[in-house]
N, C-alpha and C. Protein backbone atom coordinates (compact mmCIF):
# COMPACT_ATOMS: atom_id res chain seq x y z
N MET A 1 29.42 13.51 -0.13
CA MET A 1 30.09 14.25 0.94
C MET A 1 31.59 14.10 0.75
N SER A 2 32.30 15.19 0.79
CA SER A 2 33.74 15.14 0.55
C SER A 2 34.46 14.49 1.73
N ARG A 3 35.66 14.04 1.46
CA ARG A 3 36.45 13.39 2.51
C ARG A 3 36.76 14.38 3.64
N GLN A 4 37.00 15.67 3.29
CA GLN A 4 37.33 16.66 4.31
C GLN A 4 36.16 16.83 5.28
N ASN A 5 34.94 16.99 4.73
CA ASN A 5 33.76 17.10 5.59
C ASN A 5 33.58 15.84 6.41
N ASP A 6 33.85 14.70 5.78
CA ASP A 6 33.70 13.42 6.46
C ASP A 6 34.66 13.34 7.65
N ARG A 7 35.88 13.84 7.46
CA ARG A 7 36.86 13.82 8.56
C ARG A 7 36.44 14.75 9.69
N ASN A 8 35.81 15.88 9.34
CA ASN A 8 35.35 16.82 10.37
C ASN A 8 34.22 16.23 11.19
N ASN A 9 33.47 15.33 10.60
CA ASN A 9 32.32 14.72 11.28
C ASN A 9 32.67 13.42 11.97
N ARG A 10 33.93 13.02 11.96
CA ARG A 10 34.31 11.73 12.56
C ARG A 10 33.98 11.71 14.04
N GLY A 11 33.60 10.54 14.47
CA GLY A 11 33.32 10.37 15.89
C GLY A 11 31.88 10.67 16.24
N ARG A 12 31.14 11.25 15.32
CA ARG A 12 29.73 11.55 15.61
C ARG A 12 28.86 10.39 15.16
N LYS A 13 27.73 10.27 15.84
CA LYS A 13 26.76 9.26 15.45
C LYS A 13 25.95 9.81 14.29
N LYS A 14 25.76 9.00 13.27
CA LYS A 14 25.00 9.43 12.10
C LYS A 14 23.50 9.40 12.43
N PRO A 15 22.70 10.18 11.70
CA PRO A 15 21.25 10.17 11.98
C PRO A 15 20.62 8.79 11.82
N ASP A 16 21.23 7.92 11.01
CA ASP A 16 20.67 6.57 10.83
C ASP A 16 21.21 5.60 11.88
N ASP A 17 21.83 6.13 12.96
CA ASP A 17 22.34 5.35 14.09
C ASP A 17 23.49 4.42 13.73
N THR A 18 24.24 4.76 12.69
CA THR A 18 25.42 3.99 12.34
C THR A 18 26.55 4.47 13.23
N ILE A 19 27.21 3.53 13.91
CA ILE A 19 28.33 3.87 14.79
C ILE A 19 29.60 3.73 13.98
N MET A 20 30.40 4.82 13.93
CA MET A 20 31.61 4.76 13.12
C MET A 20 32.73 5.59 13.73
N ASN A 21 33.95 5.26 13.33
CA ASN A 21 35.16 5.97 13.72
C ASN A 21 35.29 6.12 15.23
N GLU A 22 35.48 7.35 15.73
CA GLU A 22 35.73 7.55 17.17
C GLU A 22 34.54 7.24 18.06
N ALA A 23 33.36 7.07 17.49
CA ALA A 23 32.18 6.74 18.29
C ALA A 23 32.20 5.28 18.74
N ILE A 24 33.05 4.48 18.13
CA ILE A 24 33.17 3.07 18.51
C ILE A 24 33.93 2.99 19.83
N ARG A 25 33.36 2.30 20.81
CA ARG A 25 33.96 2.22 22.15
C ARG A 25 34.32 0.79 22.54
N ILE A 26 34.47 -0.09 21.57
CA ILE A 26 34.74 -1.50 21.86
C ILE A 26 36.24 -1.73 21.66
N PRO A 27 36.93 -2.33 22.66
CA PRO A 27 38.39 -2.46 22.59
C PRO A 27 38.89 -3.38 21.48
N GLU A 28 38.19 -4.50 21.21
CA GLU A 28 38.64 -5.43 20.17
C GLU A 28 37.51 -5.69 19.17
N LEU A 29 37.89 -5.71 17.91
CA LEU A 29 36.91 -5.88 16.83
C LEU A 29 37.39 -6.90 15.82
N ARG A 30 36.45 -7.56 15.15
CA ARG A 30 36.78 -8.36 13.98
C ARG A 30 36.63 -7.38 12.81
N VAL A 31 37.71 -7.16 12.09
CA VAL A 31 37.72 -6.12 11.07
C VAL A 31 37.80 -6.73 9.67
N LEU A 32 36.95 -6.22 8.79
CA LEU A 32 36.93 -6.61 7.38
C LEU A 32 37.33 -5.39 6.56
N GLY A 33 38.00 -5.63 5.44
CA GLY A 33 38.40 -4.54 4.57
C GLY A 33 37.35 -4.26 3.53
N ASP A 34 37.50 -3.12 2.83
CA ASP A 34 36.54 -2.75 1.80
C ASP A 34 36.65 -3.64 0.57
N ASP A 35 37.79 -4.30 0.41
CA ASP A 35 38.00 -5.18 -0.75
C ASP A 35 37.76 -6.65 -0.40
N GLY A 36 37.16 -6.90 0.78
CA GLY A 36 36.88 -8.27 1.20
C GLY A 36 38.00 -8.87 2.05
N GLU A 37 39.09 -8.14 2.21
CA GLU A 37 40.22 -8.61 3.00
C GLU A 37 39.82 -8.70 4.47
N GLN A 38 40.27 -9.77 5.14
CA GLN A 38 39.96 -9.93 6.56
C GLN A 38 41.21 -9.63 7.38
N TYR A 39 41.08 -8.70 8.33
CA TYR A 39 42.20 -8.34 9.20
C TYR A 39 42.21 -9.16 10.48
N GLY A 40 41.13 -9.87 10.74
CA GLY A 40 41.04 -10.69 11.94
C GLY A 40 40.58 -9.87 13.13
N ILE A 41 40.84 -10.38 14.33
CA ILE A 41 40.46 -9.69 15.55
C ILE A 41 41.63 -8.81 15.97
N ILE A 42 41.41 -7.48 15.89
CA ILE A 42 42.47 -6.53 16.23
C ILE A 42 41.94 -5.46 17.17
N SER A 43 42.84 -4.67 17.74
CA SER A 43 42.43 -3.62 18.67
C SER A 43 41.78 -2.47 17.91
N LEU A 44 41.03 -1.66 18.63
CA LEU A 44 40.34 -0.52 18.04
C LEU A 44 41.34 0.47 17.47
N ALA A 45 42.44 0.72 18.20
CA ALA A 45 43.44 1.68 17.74
C ALA A 45 44.07 1.22 16.43
N GLU A 46 44.39 -0.07 16.34
CA GLU A 46 44.99 -0.63 15.13
C GLU A 46 44.02 -0.52 13.95
N ALA A 47 42.74 -0.80 14.21
CA ALA A 47 41.72 -0.71 13.16
C ALA A 47 41.56 0.73 12.69
N MET A 48 41.56 1.68 13.62
CA MET A 48 41.44 3.11 13.27
C MET A 48 42.63 3.55 12.43
N ASN A 49 43.86 3.10 12.82
CA ASN A 49 45.07 3.47 12.05
C ASN A 49 44.97 2.94 10.62
N THR A 50 44.54 1.69 10.48
CA THR A 50 44.41 1.09 9.15
C THR A 50 43.40 1.87 8.31
N ALA A 51 42.27 2.23 8.90
CA ALA A 51 41.24 2.98 8.18
C ALA A 51 41.76 4.36 7.79
N ASN A 52 42.47 5.03 8.70
CA ASN A 52 43.01 6.36 8.40
C ASN A 52 44.06 6.31 7.30
N GLU A 53 44.91 5.27 7.30
CA GLU A 53 45.93 5.12 6.27
C GLU A 53 45.30 5.01 4.88
N LYS A 54 44.17 4.30 4.83
CA LYS A 54 43.49 4.12 3.55
C LYS A 54 42.57 5.29 3.21
N GLY A 55 42.36 6.22 4.17
CA GLY A 55 41.47 7.36 3.94
C GLY A 55 40.01 6.96 3.94
N LEU A 56 39.68 5.91 4.68
CA LEU A 56 38.31 5.40 4.73
C LEU A 56 37.79 5.46 6.16
N ASP A 57 36.54 5.04 6.33
CA ASP A 57 35.89 5.05 7.64
C ASP A 57 35.86 3.65 8.23
N LEU A 58 35.87 3.58 9.56
CA LEU A 58 35.68 2.32 10.28
C LEU A 58 34.23 2.32 10.75
N VAL A 59 33.43 1.41 10.20
CA VAL A 59 31.99 1.39 10.48
C VAL A 59 31.65 0.10 11.22
N LEU A 60 30.97 0.23 12.36
CA LEU A 60 30.55 -0.92 13.15
C LEU A 60 29.34 -1.55 12.47
N MET A 61 29.50 -2.77 11.97
CA MET A 61 28.43 -3.44 11.22
C MET A 61 27.54 -4.29 12.13
N SER A 62 28.15 -5.10 13.01
CA SER A 62 27.40 -5.99 13.91
C SER A 62 27.88 -5.79 15.34
N PRO A 63 27.29 -4.82 16.05
CA PRO A 63 27.76 -4.56 17.42
C PRO A 63 27.43 -5.69 18.41
N ASP A 64 26.44 -6.52 18.09
CA ASP A 64 26.02 -7.58 19.02
C ASP A 64 26.78 -8.89 18.83
N ALA A 65 27.59 -8.98 17.77
CA ALA A 65 28.33 -10.21 17.50
C ALA A 65 29.45 -10.36 18.54
N LYS A 66 29.96 -11.57 18.67
CA LYS A 66 31.08 -11.85 19.59
C LYS A 66 32.28 -12.29 18.77
N PRO A 67 33.32 -11.57 18.59
CA PRO A 67 33.47 -10.14 18.88
C PRO A 67 32.72 -9.30 17.85
N PRO A 68 32.46 -8.03 18.17
CA PRO A 68 31.75 -7.14 17.25
C PRO A 68 32.50 -7.02 15.92
N VAL A 69 31.72 -6.87 14.82
CA VAL A 69 32.31 -6.80 13.48
C VAL A 69 32.29 -5.36 12.98
N ALA A 70 33.44 -4.91 12.49
CA ALA A 70 33.54 -3.57 11.90
C ALA A 70 34.09 -3.73 10.49
N LYS A 71 33.80 -2.76 9.64
CA LYS A 71 34.26 -2.82 8.26
C LYS A 71 34.91 -1.49 7.90
N ILE A 72 36.03 -1.60 7.20
CA ILE A 72 36.70 -0.40 6.69
C ILE A 72 36.12 -0.13 5.31
N MET A 73 35.45 1.03 5.17
CA MET A 73 34.78 1.33 3.90
C MET A 73 34.60 2.84 3.74
N ASP A 74 34.24 3.23 2.52
CA ASP A 74 33.87 4.62 2.25
C ASP A 74 32.39 4.72 2.60
N TYR A 75 32.08 5.28 3.77
CA TYR A 75 30.71 5.30 4.26
C TYR A 75 29.78 6.10 3.36
N GLY A 76 30.25 7.21 2.83
CA GLY A 76 29.43 8.04 1.94
C GLY A 76 29.00 7.26 0.71
N LYS A 77 29.93 6.52 0.12
CA LYS A 77 29.63 5.71 -1.06
C LYS A 77 28.63 4.60 -0.70
N HIS A 78 28.86 3.97 0.45
CA HIS A 78 27.99 2.90 0.93
C HIS A 78 26.55 3.42 1.10
N LYS A 79 26.43 4.59 1.74
CA LYS A 79 25.12 5.17 1.99
C LYS A 79 24.43 5.54 0.67
N TYR A 80 25.19 6.07 -0.28
CA TYR A 80 24.66 6.42 -1.60
C TYR A 80 24.10 5.19 -2.31
N GLU A 81 24.84 4.09 -2.25
CA GLU A 81 24.39 2.86 -2.91
C GLU A 81 23.13 2.29 -2.26
N LEU A 82 23.04 2.40 -0.92
CA LEU A 82 21.82 1.94 -0.23
C LEU A 82 20.62 2.77 -0.66
N GLU A 83 20.79 4.10 -0.74
CA GLU A 83 19.70 4.98 -1.17
C GLU A 83 19.28 4.65 -2.60
N LYS A 84 20.26 4.35 -3.44
CA LYS A 84 19.98 4.02 -4.83
C LYS A 84 19.14 2.74 -4.92
N LYS A 85 19.49 1.73 -4.09
CA LYS A 85 18.73 0.48 -4.06
C LYS A 85 17.31 0.71 -3.57
N LYS A 86 17.15 1.54 -2.52
CA LYS A 86 15.82 1.84 -1.99
C LYS A 86 14.97 2.53 -3.05
N LYS A 87 15.58 3.48 -3.76
CA LYS A 87 14.86 4.22 -4.79
C LYS A 87 14.41 3.28 -5.90
N GLU A 88 15.27 2.35 -6.28
CA GLU A 88 14.94 1.37 -7.32
C GLU A 88 13.79 0.47 -6.87
N ALA A 89 13.83 0.07 -5.58
CA ALA A 89 12.77 -0.80 -5.04
C ALA A 89 11.43 -0.05 -5.03
N ARG A 90 11.46 1.25 -4.67
CA ARG A 90 10.22 2.04 -4.67
C ARG A 90 9.67 2.19 -6.08
N LYS A 91 10.58 2.34 -7.06
CA LYS A 91 10.16 2.53 -8.44
C LYS A 91 9.44 1.28 -8.96
N ASN A 92 9.92 0.11 -8.55
CA ASN A 92 9.35 -1.15 -9.01
C ASN A 92 8.13 -1.58 -8.21
N GLN A 93 7.84 -0.86 -7.13
CA GLN A 93 6.73 -1.22 -6.26
C GLN A 93 5.40 -0.87 -6.93
N LYS A 94 4.44 -1.75 -6.82
CA LYS A 94 3.13 -1.50 -7.40
C LYS A 94 2.29 -0.73 -6.40
N LYS A 95 1.74 0.39 -6.85
CA LYS A 95 0.90 1.22 -5.98
C LYS A 95 -0.55 0.83 -6.18
N ILE A 96 -1.24 0.61 -5.08
CA ILE A 96 -2.65 0.27 -5.13
C ILE A 96 -3.44 1.56 -4.90
N GLU A 97 -4.25 1.89 -5.88
CA GLU A 97 -5.07 3.09 -5.76
C GLU A 97 -6.47 2.66 -5.37
N VAL A 98 -7.02 3.30 -4.33
CA VAL A 98 -8.36 2.98 -3.86
C VAL A 98 -9.28 4.16 -4.20
N LYS A 99 -10.32 3.87 -4.97
CA LYS A 99 -11.32 4.88 -5.30
C LYS A 99 -12.54 4.64 -4.41
N GLU A 100 -13.21 5.73 -4.07
CA GLU A 100 -14.35 5.63 -3.17
C GLU A 100 -15.61 6.06 -3.89
N VAL A 101 -16.66 5.26 -3.76
CA VAL A 101 -17.96 5.60 -4.34
C VAL A 101 -18.96 5.63 -3.18
N LYS A 102 -19.62 6.80 -3.00
CA LYS A 102 -20.54 6.98 -1.86
C LYS A 102 -21.99 6.86 -2.29
N PHE A 103 -22.75 6.24 -1.43
CA PHE A 103 -24.18 6.08 -1.63
C PHE A 103 -24.89 6.60 -0.38
N SER A 104 -26.21 6.76 -0.48
CA SER A 104 -27.00 7.05 0.71
C SER A 104 -28.07 5.98 0.83
N CYS A 105 -28.74 5.92 1.96
CA CYS A 105 -29.76 4.88 2.17
C CYS A 105 -30.97 5.07 1.27
N LYS A 106 -31.30 6.33 0.99
CA LYS A 106 -32.52 6.64 0.21
C LYS A 106 -32.15 7.01 -1.23
N ILE A 107 -31.28 6.21 -1.85
CA ILE A 107 -30.81 6.50 -3.20
C ILE A 107 -31.75 5.88 -4.23
N ALA A 108 -31.98 6.61 -5.30
CA ALA A 108 -32.86 6.13 -6.37
C ALA A 108 -32.12 5.11 -7.23
N GLU A 109 -32.86 4.28 -7.93
CA GLU A 109 -32.27 3.21 -8.74
C GLU A 109 -31.37 3.76 -9.85
N ASN A 110 -31.81 4.85 -10.52
CA ASN A 110 -30.98 5.41 -11.59
C ASN A 110 -29.68 6.00 -11.04
N ASP A 111 -29.71 6.53 -9.82
CA ASP A 111 -28.47 7.04 -9.20
C ASP A 111 -27.52 5.89 -8.88
N ILE A 112 -28.08 4.77 -8.43
CA ILE A 112 -27.25 3.59 -8.16
C ILE A 112 -26.57 3.15 -9.45
N ASN A 113 -27.34 3.08 -10.54
CA ASN A 113 -26.77 2.65 -11.83
C ASN A 113 -25.64 3.58 -12.28
N TYR A 114 -25.84 4.89 -12.09
CA TYR A 114 -24.84 5.87 -12.48
C TYR A 114 -23.54 5.68 -11.68
N LYS A 115 -23.67 5.49 -10.37
CA LYS A 115 -22.48 5.32 -9.52
C LYS A 115 -21.81 3.97 -9.75
N VAL A 116 -22.60 2.95 -10.03
CA VAL A 116 -22.05 1.62 -10.33
C VAL A 116 -21.24 1.68 -11.62
N LYS A 117 -21.71 2.48 -12.60
CA LYS A 117 -20.99 2.64 -13.86
C LYS A 117 -19.57 3.16 -13.59
N HIS A 118 -19.44 4.15 -12.69
CA HIS A 118 -18.12 4.68 -12.34
C HIS A 118 -17.28 3.63 -11.61
N ALA A 119 -17.91 2.90 -10.70
CA ALA A 119 -17.18 1.85 -9.97
C ALA A 119 -16.65 0.80 -10.94
N ARG A 120 -17.46 0.43 -11.94
CA ARG A 120 -17.03 -0.55 -12.96
C ARG A 120 -15.82 -0.03 -13.73
N GLU A 121 -15.85 1.26 -14.09
CA GLU A 121 -14.72 1.86 -14.82
C GLU A 121 -13.45 1.78 -13.98
N PHE A 122 -13.56 2.09 -12.69
CA PHE A 122 -12.39 2.03 -11.81
C PHE A 122 -11.85 0.61 -11.75
N LEU A 123 -12.74 -0.36 -11.58
CA LEU A 123 -12.31 -1.76 -11.49
C LEU A 123 -11.66 -2.23 -12.79
N GLU A 124 -12.20 -1.80 -13.92
CA GLU A 124 -11.63 -2.20 -15.21
C GLU A 124 -10.24 -1.59 -15.43
N LYS A 125 -9.99 -0.44 -14.78
CA LYS A 125 -8.66 0.19 -14.86
C LYS A 125 -7.69 -0.42 -13.86
N GLY A 126 -8.16 -1.37 -13.03
CA GLY A 126 -7.29 -2.04 -12.08
C GLY A 126 -7.23 -1.38 -10.71
N LYS A 127 -8.12 -0.47 -10.44
CA LYS A 127 -8.13 0.21 -9.14
C LYS A 127 -9.05 -0.53 -8.18
N HIS A 128 -8.75 -0.42 -6.90
CA HIS A 128 -9.62 -0.99 -5.87
C HIS A 128 -10.74 0.01 -5.61
N VAL A 129 -11.91 -0.49 -5.25
CA VAL A 129 -13.05 0.39 -5.01
C VAL A 129 -13.60 0.15 -3.61
N LYS A 130 -13.81 1.27 -2.91
CA LYS A 130 -14.42 1.23 -1.59
C LYS A 130 -15.82 1.81 -1.73
N LEU A 131 -16.82 0.98 -1.51
CA LEU A 131 -18.21 1.42 -1.61
C LEU A 131 -18.68 1.79 -0.20
N ARG A 132 -19.25 3.00 -0.06
CA ARG A 132 -19.65 3.47 1.27
C ARG A 132 -21.08 3.99 1.25
N VAL A 133 -21.80 3.67 2.29
CA VAL A 133 -23.14 4.23 2.49
C VAL A 133 -23.06 5.06 3.77
N PHE A 134 -23.39 6.35 3.66
CA PHE A 134 -23.37 7.24 4.83
C PHE A 134 -24.72 7.20 5.52
N LEU A 135 -24.71 6.98 6.81
CA LEU A 135 -25.95 6.92 7.59
C LEU A 135 -26.17 8.28 8.26
N ARG A 136 -27.28 8.92 7.90
CA ARG A 136 -27.61 10.25 8.45
C ARG A 136 -28.63 10.09 9.58
N GLY A 137 -28.48 10.88 10.61
CA GLY A 137 -29.47 10.99 11.68
C GLY A 137 -30.06 9.68 12.15
N ARG A 138 -31.36 9.51 11.92
CA ARG A 138 -32.08 8.33 12.41
C ARG A 138 -31.76 7.07 11.62
N GLU A 139 -31.08 7.22 10.49
CA GLU A 139 -30.65 6.03 9.72
C GLU A 139 -29.67 5.19 10.52
N MET A 140 -29.00 5.82 11.51
CA MET A 140 -28.06 5.09 12.37
C MET A 140 -28.78 3.99 13.15
N ALA A 141 -30.06 4.17 13.40
CA ALA A 141 -30.84 3.16 14.12
C ALA A 141 -31.12 1.94 13.25
N ASN A 142 -31.00 2.11 11.91
CA ASN A 142 -31.28 1.01 10.97
C ASN A 142 -30.11 0.84 10.00
N PRO A 143 -28.96 0.39 10.46
CA PRO A 143 -27.82 0.23 9.56
C PRO A 143 -28.05 -0.83 8.49
N GLU A 144 -29.02 -1.70 8.69
CA GLU A 144 -29.31 -2.73 7.68
C GLU A 144 -29.78 -2.11 6.37
N TRP A 145 -30.29 -0.86 6.39
CA TRP A 145 -30.67 -0.18 5.15
C TRP A 145 -29.44 0.04 4.27
N GLY A 146 -28.34 0.44 4.91
CA GLY A 146 -27.09 0.64 4.17
C GLY A 146 -26.56 -0.67 3.61
N VAL A 147 -26.67 -1.73 4.40
CA VAL A 147 -26.24 -3.06 3.95
C VAL A 147 -27.09 -3.48 2.76
N ASP A 148 -28.40 -3.19 2.79
CA ASP A 148 -29.28 -3.53 1.67
C ASP A 148 -28.86 -2.82 0.39
N VAL A 149 -28.48 -1.54 0.50
CA VAL A 149 -28.04 -0.79 -0.67
C VAL A 149 -26.79 -1.46 -1.27
N LEU A 150 -25.82 -1.80 -0.43
CA LEU A 150 -24.60 -2.43 -0.93
C LEU A 150 -24.87 -3.82 -1.49
N ASN A 151 -25.83 -4.53 -0.90
CA ASN A 151 -26.19 -5.84 -1.43
C ASN A 151 -26.89 -5.74 -2.78
N ARG A 152 -27.53 -4.58 -3.05
CA ARG A 152 -28.13 -4.35 -4.39
C ARG A 152 -27.04 -3.99 -5.39
N VAL A 153 -25.98 -3.34 -4.92
CA VAL A 153 -24.89 -2.89 -5.81
C VAL A 153 -23.99 -4.06 -6.21
N TRP A 154 -23.71 -4.96 -5.29
CA TRP A 154 -22.73 -6.02 -5.54
C TRP A 154 -23.02 -6.87 -6.78
N PRO A 155 -24.27 -7.32 -7.03
CA PRO A 155 -24.50 -8.13 -8.24
C PRO A 155 -24.16 -7.40 -9.54
N MET A 156 -24.20 -6.07 -9.52
CA MET A 156 -23.87 -5.29 -10.72
C MET A 156 -22.36 -5.24 -10.97
N LEU A 157 -21.56 -5.57 -9.94
CA LEU A 157 -20.09 -5.50 -10.06
C LEU A 157 -19.44 -6.87 -10.06
N GLU A 158 -20.22 -7.93 -9.84
CA GLU A 158 -19.66 -9.28 -9.71
C GLU A 158 -18.78 -9.70 -10.88
N ASP A 159 -19.16 -9.31 -12.10
CA ASP A 159 -18.42 -9.77 -13.28
C ASP A 159 -17.08 -9.06 -13.47
N VAL A 160 -16.84 -7.93 -12.78
CA VAL A 160 -15.56 -7.21 -12.95
C VAL A 160 -14.73 -7.14 -11.67
N GLY A 161 -15.27 -7.65 -10.55
CA GLY A 161 -14.52 -7.52 -9.30
C GLY A 161 -14.71 -8.68 -8.34
N ASN A 162 -13.81 -8.71 -7.37
CA ASN A 162 -13.88 -9.69 -6.27
C ASN A 162 -14.33 -8.97 -5.01
N LEU A 163 -15.20 -9.60 -4.26
CA LEU A 163 -15.64 -9.01 -2.99
C LEU A 163 -14.55 -9.25 -1.96
N GLU A 164 -13.86 -8.18 -1.58
CA GLU A 164 -12.75 -8.28 -0.63
C GLU A 164 -13.29 -8.38 0.80
N SER A 165 -14.29 -7.53 1.11
CA SER A 165 -14.90 -7.61 2.44
C SER A 165 -16.39 -7.33 2.33
N LYS A 166 -17.17 -8.07 3.08
CA LYS A 166 -18.62 -7.90 3.06
C LYS A 166 -18.98 -6.58 3.72
N PRO A 167 -20.19 -6.09 3.52
CA PRO A 167 -20.59 -4.82 4.14
C PRO A 167 -20.43 -4.87 5.66
N SER A 168 -19.72 -3.88 6.18
CA SER A 168 -19.52 -3.81 7.64
C SER A 168 -19.60 -2.35 8.07
N GLN A 169 -20.04 -2.14 9.31
CA GLN A 169 -20.22 -0.78 9.80
C GLN A 169 -18.96 -0.27 10.47
N GLU A 170 -18.59 0.97 10.10
CA GLU A 170 -17.49 1.68 10.75
C GLU A 170 -18.00 3.08 11.05
N GLY A 171 -18.43 3.30 12.28
CA GLY A 171 -18.98 4.61 12.64
C GLY A 171 -20.28 4.87 11.91
N ARG A 172 -20.34 5.98 11.17
CA ARG A 172 -21.55 6.35 10.42
C ARG A 172 -21.57 5.75 9.01
N TYR A 173 -20.57 4.95 8.67
CA TYR A 173 -20.48 4.39 7.32
C TYR A 173 -20.67 2.87 7.33
N ILE A 174 -21.27 2.38 6.25
CA ILE A 174 -21.29 0.95 5.96
C ILE A 174 -20.35 0.81 4.77
N ASN A 175 -19.25 0.05 4.94
CA ASN A 175 -18.22 -0.07 3.90
C ASN A 175 -18.19 -1.46 3.29
N MET A 176 -17.79 -1.49 2.01
CA MET A 176 -17.58 -2.76 1.32
C MET A 176 -16.43 -2.52 0.34
N TYR A 177 -15.46 -3.43 0.33
CA TYR A 177 -14.30 -3.31 -0.56
C TYR A 177 -14.42 -4.29 -1.72
N VAL A 178 -14.13 -3.78 -2.92
CA VAL A 178 -14.15 -4.61 -4.11
C VAL A 178 -12.81 -4.43 -4.83
N THR A 179 -12.18 -5.54 -5.19
CA THR A 179 -10.90 -5.49 -5.91
C THR A 179 -11.11 -5.98 -7.34
N PRO A 180 -10.27 -5.52 -8.27
CA PRO A 180 -10.44 -5.95 -9.67
C PRO A 180 -10.11 -7.44 -9.82
N LEU A 181 -10.74 -8.07 -10.81
CA LEU A 181 -10.43 -9.46 -11.11
C LEU A 181 -9.03 -9.58 -11.67
N LYS A 182 -8.35 -10.66 -11.35
CA LYS A 182 -7.02 -10.91 -11.90
C LYS A 182 -7.16 -11.24 -13.38
N LYS A 183 -6.26 -10.68 -14.18
CA LYS A 183 -6.33 -10.92 -15.62
C LYS A 183 -5.53 -12.13 -16.01
């Protein structure tokens, strides 16, 4: 943002709730410079004059401090650097992908083997797996059938995964979470 636009927007509250320039209503502030220089406790008018002379913004950093702390800085540059740091942190963040494998209560053994094969592949790739049994109609009266299916599946995945949560009912589903083994 150019300095001219920045000057036109002075006194307004920023969308991120940063109080700066004419929006500051505190008579005395502890003021710090952009180069680390300390101006001490000075009046708001004196702080604004100093900021204007340098062509920078007066930004309220700690409004709850006694006295409140303000800093003379290029707010646009400061905001850009914060965004850059956030972007870098997001880039380095590890994303956990959860894959879902669905079963039914009346599933045949070969179908279980086929679905377990896919679950094993997901776990070997480092993905988390959510195993679900959907309870249809009257199966809701016997949720232990779904638990039995998941208890038959778990021994087939023990060597590649950790049991994160035991089979539990959530609405019409019996869920079980399996995470990959640490390498």
